[in-house]
Amino acid sequence: MGLFDFWVYTALYWGALALSLWAFVDSLVRPAPAFVATGKLSKPGWVAITGLSAVVIFWLTPMSLLGLPAVIAAIVYLVDVRPAVRGLPRGNSW
């Protein structure tokens, strides 16, 4: 059973790390006014939250005391904030 547990925890670790890095990079490329226009937390706030989430998951496991809230923060960004911010047009469009 030890080898199976190793592969499950390894898959969880890499999956959570990829999820948090995706949320971090996505929060970097979205325009700052879109966050304010949708009534969400500001762009620097989400960049800090998702960046800290990625760092915590990188150094700890997703199943640790700080790892689970880090995964939840990345999921909240991807499920709630990203669709709202993505729906707005970028820059000046004539």
N, C-alpha and C. Protein backbone atom coordinates (compact mmCIF):
# COMPACT_ATOMS: atom_id res chain seq x y z
N MET A 1 0.81 -1.18 0.00
CA MET A 1 0.00 0.00 0.00
C MET A 1 0.86 1.26 0.00
N GLY A 2 2.11 1.16 0.38
CA GLY A 2 2.98 2.33 0.45
C GLY A 2 3.26 2.95 -0.90
N LEU A 3 3.46 2.14 -1.92
CA LEU A 3 3.74 2.67 -3.25
C LEU A 3 2.52 3.37 -3.83
N PHE A 4 1.34 2.83 -3.59
CA PHE A 4 0.11 3.47 -4.05
C PHE A 4 -0.08 4.83 -3.40
N ASP A 5 0.15 4.90 -2.09
CA ASP A 5 0.04 6.17 -1.37
C ASP A 5 1.02 7.19 -1.92
N PHE A 6 2.22 6.76 -2.23
CA PHE A 6 3.22 7.67 -2.79
C PHE A 6 2.73 8.29 -4.09
N TRP A 7 2.18 7.47 -4.98
CA TRP A 7 1.72 7.98 -6.27
C TRP A 7 0.50 8.88 -6.12
N VAL A 8 -0.39 8.58 -5.19
CA VAL A 8 -1.55 9.43 -4.95
C VAL A 8 -1.11 10.79 -4.43
N TYR A 9 -0.21 10.81 -3.43
CA TYR A 9 0.26 12.09 -2.88
C TYR A 9 1.08 12.87 -3.90
N THR A 10 1.83 12.17 -4.74
CA THR A 10 2.59 12.85 -5.78
C THR A 10 1.66 13.49 -6.80
N ALA A 11 0.62 12.78 -7.19
CA ALA A 11 -0.36 13.34 -8.13
C ALA A 11 -1.09 14.53 -7.52
N LEU A 12 -1.44 14.44 -6.24
CA LEU A 12 -2.09 15.56 -5.57
C LEU A 12 -1.17 16.77 -5.49
N TYR A 13 0.09 16.53 -5.19
CA TYR A 13 1.06 17.64 -5.08
C TYR A 13 1.22 18.36 -6.40
N TRP A 14 1.49 17.62 -7.48
CA TRP A 14 1.71 18.25 -8.78
C TRP A 14 0.43 18.88 -9.31
N GLY A 15 -0.70 18.27 -9.06
CA GLY A 15 -1.97 18.85 -9.50
C GLY A 15 -2.28 20.16 -8.77
N ALA A 16 -2.07 20.18 -7.46
CA ALA A 16 -2.31 21.40 -6.69
C ALA A 16 -1.32 22.48 -7.07
N LEU A 17 -0.08 22.11 -7.33
CA LEU A 17 0.92 23.10 -7.72
C LEU A 17 0.58 23.68 -9.09
N ALA A 18 0.17 22.84 -10.04
CA ALA A 18 -0.21 23.34 -11.36
C ALA A 18 -1.44 24.24 -11.26
N LEU A 19 -2.40 23.89 -10.44
CA LEU A 19 -3.60 24.69 -10.25
C LEU A 19 -3.26 26.06 -9.68
N SER A 20 -2.42 26.11 -8.67
CA SER A 20 -2.07 27.39 -8.05
C SER A 20 -1.20 28.24 -8.97
N LEU A 21 -0.32 27.62 -9.74
CA LEU A 21 0.48 28.39 -10.70
C LEU A 21 -0.39 28.94 -11.83
N TRP A 22 -1.37 28.17 -12.26
CA TRP A 22 -2.30 28.65 -13.28
C TRP A 22 -3.07 29.87 -12.76
N ALA A 23 -3.54 29.81 -11.52
CA ALA A 23 -4.26 30.94 -10.93
C ALA A 23 -3.35 32.16 -10.80
N PHE A 24 -2.10 31.94 -10.41
CA PHE A 24 -1.15 33.05 -10.26
C PHE A 24 -0.86 33.72 -11.60
N VAL A 25 -0.55 32.94 -12.61
CA VAL A 25 -0.23 33.51 -13.93
C VAL A 25 -1.47 34.20 -14.52
N ASP A 26 -2.63 33.61 -14.34
CA ASP A 26 -3.83 34.22 -14.86
C ASP A 26 -4.13 35.55 -14.17
N SER A 27 -3.88 35.63 -12.88
CA SER A 27 -4.11 36.90 -12.18
C SER A 27 -3.10 37.96 -12.60
N LEU A 28 -1.94 37.55 -13.07
CA LEU A 28 -0.95 38.51 -13.56
C LEU A 28 -1.34 39.11 -14.90
N VAL A 29 -1.95 38.34 -15.78
CA VAL A 29 -2.22 38.81 -17.14
C VAL A 29 -3.54 39.57 -17.27
N ARG A 30 -4.41 39.49 -16.29
CA ARG A 30 -5.69 40.20 -16.37
C ARG A 30 -5.48 41.68 -16.07
N PRO A 31 -6.22 42.57 -16.73
CA PRO A 31 -6.07 44.01 -16.50
C PRO A 31 -6.61 44.41 -15.12
N ALA A 32 -5.91 45.32 -14.47
CA ALA A 32 -6.27 45.75 -13.11
C ALA A 32 -7.66 46.39 -13.04
N PRO A 33 -8.07 47.24 -14.01
CA PRO A 33 -9.41 47.83 -13.90
C PRO A 33 -10.54 46.81 -13.95
N ALA A 34 -10.30 45.66 -14.53
CA ALA A 34 -11.35 44.64 -14.61
C ALA A 34 -11.70 44.11 -13.23
N PHE A 35 -10.73 44.01 -12.34
CA PHE A 35 -10.99 43.53 -10.98
C PHE A 35 -11.90 44.51 -10.25
N VAL A 36 -11.61 45.79 -10.40
CA VAL A 36 -12.41 46.82 -9.73
C VAL A 36 -13.81 46.90 -10.35
N ALA A 37 -13.89 46.79 -11.67
CA ALA A 37 -15.17 46.89 -12.37
C ALA A 37 -16.13 45.76 -11.99
N THR A 38 -15.60 44.61 -11.66
CA THR A 38 -16.45 43.48 -11.30
C THR A 38 -16.74 43.42 -9.81
N GLY A 39 -16.15 44.34 -9.05
CA GLY A 39 -16.41 44.37 -7.60
C GLY A 39 -15.64 43.33 -6.82
N LYS A 40 -14.57 42.83 -7.38
CA LYS A 40 -13.74 41.84 -6.70
C LYS A 40 -12.58 42.54 -5.99
N LEU A 41 -11.82 41.80 -5.26
CA LEU A 41 -10.61 42.32 -4.63
C LEU A 41 -9.68 42.83 -5.72
N SER A 42 -8.83 43.79 -5.39
CA SER A 42 -7.96 44.40 -6.40
C SER A 42 -6.97 43.38 -6.98
N LYS A 43 -6.39 43.76 -8.10
CA LYS A 43 -5.43 42.88 -8.78
C LYS A 43 -4.23 42.57 -7.89
N PRO A 44 -3.59 43.58 -7.22
CA PRO A 44 -2.47 43.22 -6.35
C PRO A 44 -2.85 42.26 -5.23
N GLY A 45 -4.08 42.37 -4.76
CA GLY A 45 -4.55 41.44 -3.73
C GLY A 45 -4.61 40.01 -4.22
N TRP A 46 -5.20 39.83 -5.42
CA TRP A 46 -5.30 38.48 -5.97
C TRP A 46 -3.95 37.94 -6.42
N VAL A 47 -3.09 38.81 -6.91
CA VAL A 47 -1.74 38.35 -7.28
C VAL A 47 -1.01 37.87 -6.02
N ALA A 48 -1.15 38.61 -4.93
CA ALA A 48 -0.50 38.21 -3.68
C ALA A 48 -1.08 36.91 -3.14
N ILE A 49 -2.39 36.78 -3.17
CA ILE A 49 -3.03 35.57 -2.64
C ILE A 49 -2.64 34.34 -3.45
N THR A 50 -2.73 34.44 -4.77
CA THR A 50 -2.41 33.28 -5.60
C THR A 50 -0.91 32.99 -5.61
N GLY A 51 -0.08 34.03 -5.54
CA GLY A 51 1.37 33.82 -5.45
C GLY A 51 1.76 33.14 -4.16
N LEU A 52 1.18 33.60 -3.05
CA LEU A 52 1.45 32.97 -1.76
C LEU A 52 0.93 31.54 -1.74
N SER A 53 -0.19 31.33 -2.40
CA SER A 53 -0.73 29.98 -2.51
C SER A 53 0.24 29.05 -3.22
N ALA A 54 0.81 29.53 -4.33
CA ALA A 54 1.77 28.71 -5.08
C ALA A 54 3.02 28.42 -4.26
N VAL A 55 3.50 29.42 -3.52
CA VAL A 55 4.70 29.23 -2.68
C VAL A 55 4.42 28.23 -1.56
N VAL A 56 3.27 28.35 -0.92
CA VAL A 56 2.93 27.43 0.17
C VAL A 56 2.83 26.00 -0.34
N ILE A 57 2.19 25.82 -1.48
CA ILE A 57 2.06 24.47 -2.02
C ILE A 57 3.41 23.93 -2.47
N PHE A 58 4.27 24.81 -2.99
CA PHE A 58 5.60 24.36 -3.42
C PHE A 58 6.41 23.87 -2.23
N TRP A 59 6.38 24.60 -1.12
CA TRP A 59 7.21 24.24 0.04
C TRP A 59 6.56 23.20 0.94
N LEU A 60 5.24 23.17 1.00
CA LEU A 60 4.53 22.21 1.84
C LEU A 60 3.72 21.29 0.94
N THR A 61 3.04 20.35 1.51
CA THR A 61 2.17 19.49 0.72
C THR A 61 0.77 20.08 0.72
N PRO A 62 -0.04 19.76 -0.27
CA PRO A 62 -1.42 20.27 -0.29
C PRO A 62 -2.25 19.73 0.87
N MET A 63 -1.81 18.67 1.49
CA MET A 63 -2.57 18.07 2.58
C MET A 63 -2.14 18.59 3.94
N SER A 64 -1.30 19.64 3.98
CA SER A 64 -0.84 20.18 5.26
C SER A 64 -1.84 21.21 5.78
N LEU A 65 -1.53 21.76 6.95
CA LEU A 65 -2.42 22.73 7.58
C LEU A 65 -2.55 24.00 6.76
N LEU A 66 -1.49 24.44 6.12
CA LEU A 66 -1.54 25.63 5.27
C LEU A 66 -1.78 25.29 3.80
N GLY A 67 -1.56 24.06 3.42
CA GLY A 67 -1.71 23.67 2.03
C GLY A 67 -3.15 23.65 1.56
N LEU A 68 -4.04 23.18 2.41
CA LEU A 68 -5.45 23.11 2.02
C LEU A 68 -6.05 24.50 1.80
N PRO A 69 -5.85 25.49 2.69
CA PRO A 69 -6.35 26.83 2.38
C PRO A 69 -5.72 27.43 1.13
N ALA A 70 -4.48 27.07 0.84
CA ALA A 70 -3.82 27.57 -0.38
C ALA A 70 -4.50 27.01 -1.62
N VAL A 71 -4.85 25.75 -1.60
CA VAL A 71 -5.56 25.14 -2.72
C VAL A 71 -6.95 25.76 -2.85
N ILE A 72 -7.62 26.00 -1.73
CA ILE A 72 -8.95 26.61 -1.76
C ILE A 72 -8.87 28.02 -2.33
N ALA A 73 -7.84 28.78 -1.98
CA ALA A 73 -7.69 30.14 -2.51
C ALA A 73 -7.52 30.12 -4.03
N ALA A 74 -6.73 29.19 -4.54
CA ALA A 74 -6.55 29.08 -5.99
C ALA A 74 -7.85 28.68 -6.67
N ILE A 75 -8.60 27.79 -6.06
CA ILE A 75 -9.88 27.36 -6.63
C ILE A 75 -10.88 28.51 -6.63
N VAL A 76 -10.92 29.28 -5.56
CA VAL A 76 -11.83 30.43 -5.49
C VAL A 76 -11.51 31.42 -6.59
N TYR A 77 -10.22 31.67 -6.82
CA TYR A 77 -9.86 32.59 -7.90
C TYR A 77 -10.33 32.04 -9.25
N LEU A 78 -10.05 30.77 -9.52
CA LEU A 78 -10.36 30.20 -10.83
C LEU A 78 -11.86 30.03 -11.07
N VAL A 79 -12.63 29.81 -10.02
CA VAL A 79 -14.06 29.55 -10.19
C VAL A 79 -14.89 30.82 -10.09
N ASP A 80 -14.47 31.77 -9.25
CA ASP A 80 -15.29 32.96 -9.01
C ASP A 80 -14.75 34.21 -9.70
N VAL A 81 -13.49 34.49 -9.51
CA VAL A 81 -12.92 35.76 -9.98
C VAL A 81 -12.58 35.70 -11.47
N ARG A 82 -11.95 34.65 -11.90
CA ARG A 82 -11.50 34.56 -13.29
C ARG A 82 -12.65 34.68 -14.30
N PRO A 83 -13.78 34.00 -14.13
CA PRO A 83 -14.86 34.17 -15.10
C PRO A 83 -15.40 35.60 -15.14
N ALA A 84 -15.46 36.27 -14.00
CA ALA A 84 -15.97 37.64 -13.96
C ALA A 84 -15.01 38.60 -14.64
N VAL A 85 -13.72 38.43 -14.38
CA VAL A 85 -12.71 39.33 -14.94
C VAL A 85 -12.50 39.03 -16.42
N ARG A 86 -12.60 37.79 -16.80
CA ARG A 86 -12.37 37.40 -18.20
C ARG A 86 -13.47 37.89 -19.12
N GLY A 87 -14.66 38.12 -18.60
CA GLY A 87 -15.77 38.55 -19.41
C GLY A 87 -15.67 39.98 -19.88
N LEU A 88 -14.81 40.78 -19.28
CA LEU A 88 -14.68 42.19 -19.67
C LEU A 88 -13.69 42.33 -20.81
N PRO A 89 -13.93 43.30 -21.69
CA PRO A 89 -12.99 43.52 -22.81
C PRO A 89 -11.67 44.09 -22.32
N ARG A 90 -10.60 43.82 -23.05
CA ARG A 90 -9.27 44.31 -22.69
C ARG A 90 -9.00 45.60 -23.42
N GLY A 91 -8.47 46.58 -22.70
CA GLY A 91 -7.99 47.82 -23.30
C GLY A 91 -9.07 48.62 -24.01
N ASN A 92 -8.66 49.48 -24.89
CA ASN A 92 -9.58 50.32 -25.65
C ASN A 92 -10.03 49.60 -26.91
N SER A 93 -11.32 49.46 -27.06
CA SER A 93 -11.83 48.83 -28.27
C SER A 93 -12.81 49.80 -28.92
N TRP A 94 -12.58 50.13 -30.15
CA TRP A 94 -13.43 51.09 -30.85
C TRP A 94 -14.54 50.33 -31.42
